Amino acid sequence: MLSALLTFLISGCQSGMSYRATDLPSELAARPAFSGQQFDLSQLGNTGAGADLIQPQDTLKVLVTSGNDEDESKESELSVTQEGTIDIPYVGQVQVAGLTESQAANAVRNASVQRQIFMRPSVSVMFAQKHMHQVIVGGAVENPGKYDIRASASTLATAVLAAGGLSEKASSQITVHQPGSRTVASAGNGEILQTGFEPSTKATSPKILQVNLLSPATTQTASKNSLPDGTVITVREQPARYVTVMGLTGNRNIEMPYDREYRLLDALAQAGGPRFSPWIANKLKIVRPHPQTGEAVTIRAYLGEAQRNRDVNIPLSPGDVVSVEETPLTFTISTISALIGVGRNALTAGTF
């Protein structure tokens, strides 16, 4: 490993691509860290708005009383059709999709009076069962698992929120596997050839949607995409990211944080700092692979400047090698210290 690092550093020294930290071209700068926990999930669709509104395929409990004391109440459990209506005995079809329970009760009451079925009816409407979609959310979320979410709010945002949101290790990449609907009834005898789907469901093919949270185009597409029942969502984890620190400091491979930028002085501090005072060991070098070609790029900086100027204390990229460089003064001090150490050892050995 040390041999590989030395080879990499030597190639960096020989490379013609060398810059001061303050003159680094934007294409060579470290990419901003992605923080899933700070990402606005509302960019991926509504986050549950309208969950209490009546939707197609809901089941409602409807109680209608004529208003006359001698008449009995009539209670029915009714399914909301795909067109958003319920068929009430004696009253007929009433549009209720998109309404709250109390608004639906008023709609049934008004229809009863307008159609001269009842004069002063008393009506109540309650949910007997809400139509839900089951989705599986896995990968870099706080609570991976299987969740039932409201069919009317079946968006990527709602599903990820149901799983507790993105974890600190979440990358910007999400894969959405949507199952196809495989329905159908035989024209001859009406048998359902494949179970698990209503005969009225249109046949569709499975679909895979790749969402990059850093791409407005893909997040916009995701926000307009309703998740069908049985969707599987996988949030990819960011791979571990490392920088190497060496030279006149502790030689270490350091894992970078996932959710924030990691700067030059952060790495030096975590490695234990320079072995000498900053005014003696002041010369720093960062060797960074070019993002397109892989060629070693040398970035030069000075410790004192980095402590005073944030533009010199640059963010690091995964794979960077940070070196606290030897100088004539540090070499001289190290040599004298080594000679003194040898002399002390010789004197100590001579006393026995």
Protein backbone atom coordinates (compact mmCIF):
# COMPACT_ATOMS: atom_id res chain seq x y z
CA MET A 1 0.00 0.00 0.00
CA LEU A 2 2.82 2.41 0.94
CA SER A 3 4.56 1.57 -2.35
CA ALA A 4 1.39 2.36 -4.27
CA LEU A 5 0.96 5.67 -2.47
CA LEU A 6 4.58 6.65 -3.13
CA THR A 7 4.15 5.78 -6.80
CA PHE A 8 1.00 7.89 -6.92
CA LEU A 9 2.74 10.83 -5.23
CA ILE A 10 5.75 10.60 -7.56
CA SER A 11 3.46 10.56 -10.59
CA GLY A 12 1.74 13.63 -9.16
CA CYS A 13 5.05 15.42 -8.84
CA GLN A 14 5.91 14.59 -12.45
CA SER A 15 2.52 15.58 -13.76
CA GLY A 16 2.23 18.86 -15.58
CA MET A 17 -1.11 19.48 -13.88
CA SER A 18 -0.16 21.43 -10.78
CA TYR A 19 -2.16 24.23 -9.19
CA ARG A 20 -2.24 26.38 -6.12
CA ALA A 21 -5.31 25.70 -3.97
CA THR A 22 -6.71 29.16 -4.73
CA ASP A 23 -6.28 28.67 -8.51
CA LEU A 24 -7.89 25.23 -8.80
CA PRO A 25 -10.21 24.98 -11.84
CA SER A 26 -13.86 24.31 -11.03
CA GLU A 27 -13.83 20.95 -12.87
CA LEU A 28 -11.14 19.71 -10.46
CA ALA A 29 -12.87 20.93 -7.29
CA ALA A 30 -14.41 18.41 -4.89
CA ARG A 31 -18.04 17.68 -5.59
CA PRO A 32 -20.47 18.84 -2.89
CA ALA A 33 -21.43 16.15 -0.39
CA PHE A 34 -24.98 14.86 -0.72
CA SER A 35 -27.07 14.89 2.47
CA GLY A 36 -30.18 12.76 2.19
CA GLN A 37 -31.44 13.95 5.57
CA GLN A 38 -31.50 17.54 4.31
CA PHE A 39 -33.11 16.74 0.96
CA ASP A 40 -36.61 18.19 0.46
CA LEU A 41 -38.75 15.12 -0.20
CA SER A 42 -41.65 17.24 -1.43
CA GLN A 43 -39.72 17.43 -4.73
CA LEU A 44 -40.73 13.78 -5.24
CA GLY A 45 -44.49 14.39 -5.13
CA ASN A 46 -47.13 15.20 -2.54
CA THR A 47 -46.39 13.89 0.92
CA GLY A 48 -49.86 12.68 1.89
CA ALA A 49 -52.05 15.69 1.18
CA GLY A 50 -55.63 14.61 0.59
CA ALA A 51 -55.24 11.31 2.44
CA ASP A 52 -58.61 11.94 4.17
CA LEU A 53 -60.47 12.62 0.94
CA ILE A 54 -62.68 9.94 -0.59
CA GLN A 55 -61.09 8.17 -3.55
CA PRO A 56 -62.09 5.50 -6.08
CA GLN A 57 -62.09 1.95 -4.63
CA ASP A 58 -62.71 3.20 -1.09
CA THR A 59 -65.55 1.54 0.80
CA LEU A 60 -67.99 3.85 2.60
CA LYS A 61 -70.60 3.24 5.27
CA VAL A 62 -73.63 5.37 4.37
CA LEU A 63 -76.55 5.87 6.75
CA VAL A 64 -79.68 7.58 5.40
CA THR A 65 -82.71 8.45 7.54
CA SER A 66 -85.74 9.89 5.78
CA GLY A 67 -86.64 12.30 8.58
CA ASN A 68 -90.01 10.69 9.28
CA ASP A 69 -90.28 9.02 12.67
CA GLU A 70 -92.00 5.94 11.32
CA ASP A 71 -89.30 5.25 8.71
CA GLU A 72 -86.28 3.14 9.57
CA SER A 73 -82.70 4.16 8.86
CA LYS A 74 -81.07 2.56 5.86
CA GLU A 75 -77.36 1.76 6.23
CA SER A 76 -75.27 0.47 3.36
CA GLU A 77 -71.61 -0.31 2.66
CA LEU A 78 -70.85 1.03 -0.77
CA SER A 79 -67.76 0.95 -2.95
CA VAL A 80 -66.64 4.07 -4.75
CA THR A 81 -66.44 3.41 -8.47
CA GLN A 82 -63.53 4.36 -10.73
CA GLU A 83 -65.66 7.32 -11.80
CA GLY A 84 -65.84 8.47 -8.16
CA THR A 85 -69.52 7.73 -7.48
CA ILE A 86 -71.52 5.59 -5.07
CA ASP A 87 -74.87 4.01 -5.89
CA ILE A 88 -77.25 4.67 -2.99
CA PRO A 89 -80.47 2.65 -2.77
CA TYR A 90 -83.50 4.73 -3.92
CA VAL A 91 -81.28 7.79 -4.45
CA GLY A 92 -78.99 6.60 -7.24
CA GLN A 93 -75.51 7.70 -8.27
CA VAL A 94 -73.84 10.47 -6.25
CA GLN A 95 -70.38 11.91 -6.97
CA VAL A 96 -68.23 11.74 -3.82
CA ALA A 97 -64.57 11.37 -4.92
CA GLY A 98 -62.40 14.21 -3.68
CA LEU A 99 -64.79 15.05 -0.82
CA THR A 100 -64.44 14.68 2.93
CA GLU A 101 -66.90 12.48 4.85
CA SER A 102 -69.04 15.49 5.87
CA GLN A 103 -68.98 16.94 2.34
CA ALA A 104 -70.06 13.55 0.94
CA ALA A 105 -72.94 13.44 3.44
CA ASN A 106 -74.08 16.88 2.24
CA ALA A 107 -73.85 15.71 -1.39
CA VAL A 108 -76.04 12.67 -0.66
CA ARG A 109 -78.52 14.82 1.29
CA ASN A 110 -78.79 17.39 -1.52
CA ALA A 111 -79.21 14.66 -4.16
CA SER A 112 -82.00 13.05 -2.09
CA VAL A 113 -83.91 16.32 -1.86
CA GLN A 114 -83.34 17.41 -5.48
CA ARG A 115 -84.53 14.02 -6.75
CA GLN A 116 -87.52 14.20 -4.41
CA ILE A 117 -86.65 10.93 -2.69
CA PHE A 118 -86.66 12.38 0.84
CA MET A 119 -87.83 15.76 2.12
CA ARG A 120 -85.57 16.23 5.17
CA PRO A 121 -83.12 13.36 5.23
CA SER A 122 -80.43 12.83 7.83
CA VAL A 123 -77.26 11.43 6.25
CA SER A 124 -73.91 10.28 7.60
CA VAL A 125 -70.94 9.01 5.58
CA MET A 126 -67.93 7.28 7.13
CA PHE A 127 -65.00 5.31 5.79
CA ALA A 128 -65.48 1.56 6.12
CA GLN A 129 -62.15 0.87 4.38
CA LYS A 130 -59.68 3.10 2.60
CA HIS A 131 -58.08 1.85 -0.59
CA MET A 132 -54.36 1.37 0.12
CA HIS A 133 -51.28 0.47 -1.87
CA GLN A 134 -48.58 -1.71 -0.35
CA VAL A 135 -45.00 -0.70 -1.12
CA ILE A 136 -41.63 -2.06 0.01
CA VAL A 137 -38.93 0.48 0.84
CA GLY A 138 -35.37 -0.74 1.35
CA GLY A 139 -31.78 0.42 1.37
CA ALA A 140 -30.60 3.65 2.96
CA VAL A 141 -33.77 4.70 4.79
CA GLU A 142 -34.27 4.93 8.54
CA ASN A 143 -36.80 2.09 8.81
CA PRO A 144 -36.78 -0.28 5.81
CA GLY A 145 -39.90 -2.40 5.48
CA LYS A 146 -43.32 -2.94 3.94
CA TYR A 147 -45.84 -0.10 4.18
CA ASP A 148 -49.48 0.53 3.36
CA ILE A 149 -49.95 4.02 1.97
CA ARG A 150 -53.05 5.80 0.72
CA ALA A 151 -53.63 5.00 -2.94
CA SER A 152 -54.48 8.64 -3.66
CA ALA A 153 -51.12 9.73 -2.21
CA SER A 154 -49.04 6.85 -3.54
CA THR A 155 -45.93 8.86 -4.41
CA LEU A 156 -42.23 8.30 -3.93
CA ALA A 157 -42.19 11.07 -1.31
CA THR A 158 -44.96 9.43 0.75
CA ALA A 159 -43.30 6.02 0.59
CA VAL A 160 -39.88 7.30 1.70
CA LEU A 161 -41.47 9.32 4.52
CA ALA A 162 -43.36 6.23 5.67
CA ALA A 163 -39.98 4.51 6.03
CA GLY A 164 -38.68 7.33 8.24
CA GLY A 165 -36.94 9.32 5.52
CA LEU A 166 -33.47 9.01 4.00
CA SER A 167 -30.61 7.92 6.26
CA GLU A 168 -27.27 9.71 6.52
CA LYS A 169 -25.72 7.07 4.24
CA ALA A 170 -28.27 7.62 1.46
CA SER A 171 -26.91 8.41 -1.97
CA SER A 172 -28.78 10.47 -4.54
CA GLN A 173 -29.73 7.31 -6.48
CA ILE A 174 -33.14 5.64 -6.02
CA THR A 175 -34.48 2.70 -8.05
CA VAL A 176 -38.24 2.25 -8.30
CA HIS A 177 -39.52 -1.16 -9.52
CA GLN A 178 -43.17 -0.92 -10.56
CA PRO A 179 -45.01 -4.19 -11.22
CA GLY A 180 -47.13 -4.66 -14.28
CA SER A 181 -50.83 -5.45 -13.97
CA ARG A 182 -51.58 -8.90 -15.34
CA THR A 183 -55.34 -9.18 -15.43
CA VAL A 184 -57.74 -10.75 -17.52
CA ALA A 185 -60.87 -12.61 -17.99
CA SER A 186 -61.62 -15.09 -20.73
CA ALA A 187 -64.09 -13.77 -23.28
CA GLY A 188 -65.76 -17.16 -23.41
CA ASN A 189 -66.58 -18.10 -19.84
CA GLY A 190 -65.44 -15.10 -17.80
CA GLU A 191 -62.81 -17.01 -15.83
CA ILE A 192 -59.95 -14.94 -14.45
CA LEU A 193 -56.82 -16.33 -15.98
CA GLN A 194 -54.44 -14.81 -13.46
CA THR A 195 -55.50 -13.95 -9.96
CA GLY A 196 -54.59 -10.96 -7.83
CA PHE A 197 -55.93 -8.27 -10.14
CA GLU A 198 -59.41 -6.94 -10.87
CA PRO A 199 -60.71 -7.86 -14.35
CA SER A 200 -61.11 -4.17 -15.15
CA THR A 201 -57.41 -3.41 -14.57
CA LYS A 202 -55.55 -2.54 -17.76
CA ALA A 203 -52.59 -4.74 -18.57
CA THR A 204 -49.28 -2.91 -18.25
CA SER A 205 -45.66 -4.00 -18.36
CA PRO A 206 -43.32 -3.79 -15.34
CA LYS A 207 -41.32 -0.57 -15.26
CA ILE A 208 -38.04 0.46 -13.63
CA LEU A 209 -37.59 4.14 -12.83
CA GLN A 210 -34.12 5.47 -11.97
CA VAL A 211 -34.26 8.66 -9.92
CA ASN A 212 -31.25 10.90 -9.29
CA LEU A 213 -32.08 13.34 -6.51
CA LEU A 214 -29.49 15.76 -7.88
CA SER A 215 -31.22 15.84 -11.27
CA PRO A 216 -34.30 18.12 -11.49
CA ALA A 217 -35.44 16.25 -14.61
CA THR A 218 -35.68 12.85 -12.88
CA THR A 219 -37.16 14.24 -9.65
CA GLN A 220 -39.85 16.02 -11.67
CA THR A 221 -40.66 12.78 -13.49
CA ALA A 222 -40.87 10.95 -10.16
CA SER A 223 -43.18 13.59 -8.68
CA LYS A 224 -45.71 12.99 -11.47
CA ASN A 225 -45.52 9.20 -11.18
CA SER A 226 -48.10 7.41 -9.02
CA LEU A 227 -46.78 4.22 -7.44
CA PRO A 228 -48.94 1.16 -8.10
CA ASP A 229 -49.62 -1.53 -5.53
CA GLY A 230 -46.58 -3.79 -5.08
CA THR A 231 -43.92 -1.18 -5.93
CA VAL A 232 -40.42 -1.86 -4.58
CA ILE A 233 -38.21 1.15 -3.79
CA THR A 234 -34.47 0.84 -3.17
CA VAL A 235 -32.42 3.79 -1.94
CA ARG A 236 -28.76 3.12 -2.66
CA GLU A 237 -26.12 3.71 -0.01
CA GLN A 238 -23.11 5.89 -0.65
CA PRO A 239 -19.90 3.85 -0.79
CA ALA A 240 -17.39 4.48 1.99
CA ARG A 241 -15.15 7.43 1.09
CA TYR A 242 -11.52 7.70 2.17
CA VAL A 243 -8.62 10.12 2.02
CA THR A 244 -5.01 9.28 2.90
CA VAL A 245 -2.80 11.52 5.04
CA MET A 246 0.97 10.98 5.12
CA GLY A 247 4.34 12.71 5.40
CA LEU A 248 5.27 14.72 8.48
CA THR A 249 2.13 13.65 10.34
CA GLY A 250 0.39 10.43 11.30
CA ASN A 251 0.05 8.15 8.27
CA ARG A 252 -3.62 7.25 8.12
CA ASN A 253 -6.50 6.28 5.88
CA ILE A 254 -9.41 8.41 7.07
CA GLU A 255 -13.07 7.74 6.32
CA MET A 256 -14.86 10.91 5.23
CA PRO A 257 -18.32 11.78 6.61
CA TYR A 258 -21.28 11.05 4.34
CA ASP A 259 -23.37 14.14 4.87
CA ARG A 260 -20.96 17.10 4.91
CA GLU A 261 -17.86 18.37 3.18
CA TYR A 262 -14.50 17.34 4.57
CA ARG A 263 -11.72 19.91 4.32
CA LEU A 264 -7.93 19.88 4.30
CA LEU A 265 -7.53 20.94 7.94
CA ASP A 266 -10.12 18.35 9.03
CA ALA A 267 -7.94 15.57 7.62
CA LEU A 268 -4.75 16.96 9.18
CA ALA A 269 -6.39 17.29 12.58
CA GLN A 270 -7.75 13.75 12.44
CA ALA A 271 -4.28 12.46 11.53
CA GLY A 272 -2.82 14.11 14.61
CA GLY A 273 -1.50 17.30 13.00
CA PRO A 274 2.04 18.03 11.73
CA ARG A 275 4.98 16.73 13.78
CA PHE A 276 6.51 20.20 13.80
CA SER A 277 5.23 23.69 14.41
CA PRO A 278 3.20 25.10 11.48
CA TRP A 279 5.87 27.72 10.77
CA ILE A 280 8.40 24.88 10.29
CA ALA A 281 6.24 22.20 8.57
CA ASN A 282 4.15 24.54 6.48
CA LYS A 283 4.21 22.97 3.02
CA LEU A 284 1.23 20.82 1.99
CA LYS A 285 0.44 18.86 -1.14
CA ILE A 286 -2.80 17.20 -2.23
CA VAL A 287 -2.64 14.66 -5.06
CA ARG A 288 -6.05 14.13 -6.66
CA PRO A 289 -7.04 11.84 -9.54
CA HIS A 290 -8.46 13.81 -12.44
CA PRO A 291 -12.23 13.04 -12.53
CA GLN A 292 -12.19 12.35 -16.29
CA THR A 293 -8.74 10.98 -17.11
CA GLY A 294 -7.53 9.64 -13.77
CA GLU A 295 -4.25 11.52 -14.24
CA ALA A 296 -2.67 12.69 -10.98
CA VAL A 297 -3.22 16.38 -10.28
CA THR A 298 -1.06 18.18 -7.70
CA ILE A 299 -2.63 20.89 -5.55
CA ARG A 300 -0.20 23.02 -3.53
CA ALA A 301 -1.06 24.80 -0.29
CA TYR A 302 0.53 26.15 2.87
CA LEU A 303 -0.70 25.33 6.35
CA GLY A 304 -0.55 28.90 7.62
CA GLU A 305 -2.62 30.13 4.67
CA ALA A 306 -5.13 27.32 5.12
CA GLN A 307 -5.62 28.35 8.75
CA ARG A 308 -6.31 31.94 7.73
CA ASN A 309 -8.09 31.55 4.39
CA ARG A 310 -11.04 29.19 3.81
CA ASP A 311 -10.35 29.21 0.06
CA VAL A 312 -7.01 27.50 0.77
CA ASN A 313 -8.58 25.07 3.23
CA ILE A 314 -10.20 23.30 0.28
CA PRO A 315 -12.79 20.47 0.48
CA LEU A 316 -11.28 17.05 -0.20
CA SER A 317 -12.46 14.38 -2.62
CA PRO A 318 -12.51 10.61 -2.06
CA GLY A 319 -9.14 9.18 -3.09
CA ASP A 320 -7.15 12.34 -2.29
CA VAL A 321 -3.68 11.89 -0.81
CA VAL A 322 -2.68 14.70 1.56
CA SER A 323 1.03 15.04 2.33
CA VAL A 324 2.77 17.29 4.84
CA GLU A 325 5.98 17.87 2.88
CA GLU A 326 9.57 17.70 4.05
CA THR A 327 11.49 21.01 3.90
CA PRO A 328 15.22 21.70 4.35
CA LEU A 329 14.50 22.94 7.87
CA THR A 330 12.42 19.92 8.89
CA PHE A 331 15.03 17.62 7.34
CA THR A 332 17.80 19.32 9.31
CA ILE A 333 15.83 19.15 12.58
CA SER A 334 14.97 15.49 12.00
CA THR A 335 18.63 14.65 11.23
CA ILE A 336 19.93 16.45 14.33
CA SER A 337 17.27 14.78 16.49
CA ALA A 338 18.22 11.38 15.08
CA LEU A 339 21.95 12.00 15.76
CA ILE A 340 21.24 13.13 19.30
CA GLY A 341 19.14 10.04 19.83
CA VAL A 342 21.96 7.79 18.57
CA GLY A 343 24.47 9.55 20.84
CA ARG A 344 22.26 9.12 23.88
CA ASN A 345 21.79 5.46 23.13
CA ALA A 346 25.57 5.00 22.80
CA LEU A 347 26.24 6.76 26.10
CA THR A 348 23.55 4.71 27.81
CA ALA A 349 24.96 1.49 26.43
CA GLY A 350 28.48 2.47 27.65
CA THR A 351 27.37 2.70 31.28
CA PHE A 352 26.74 -1.04 31.52
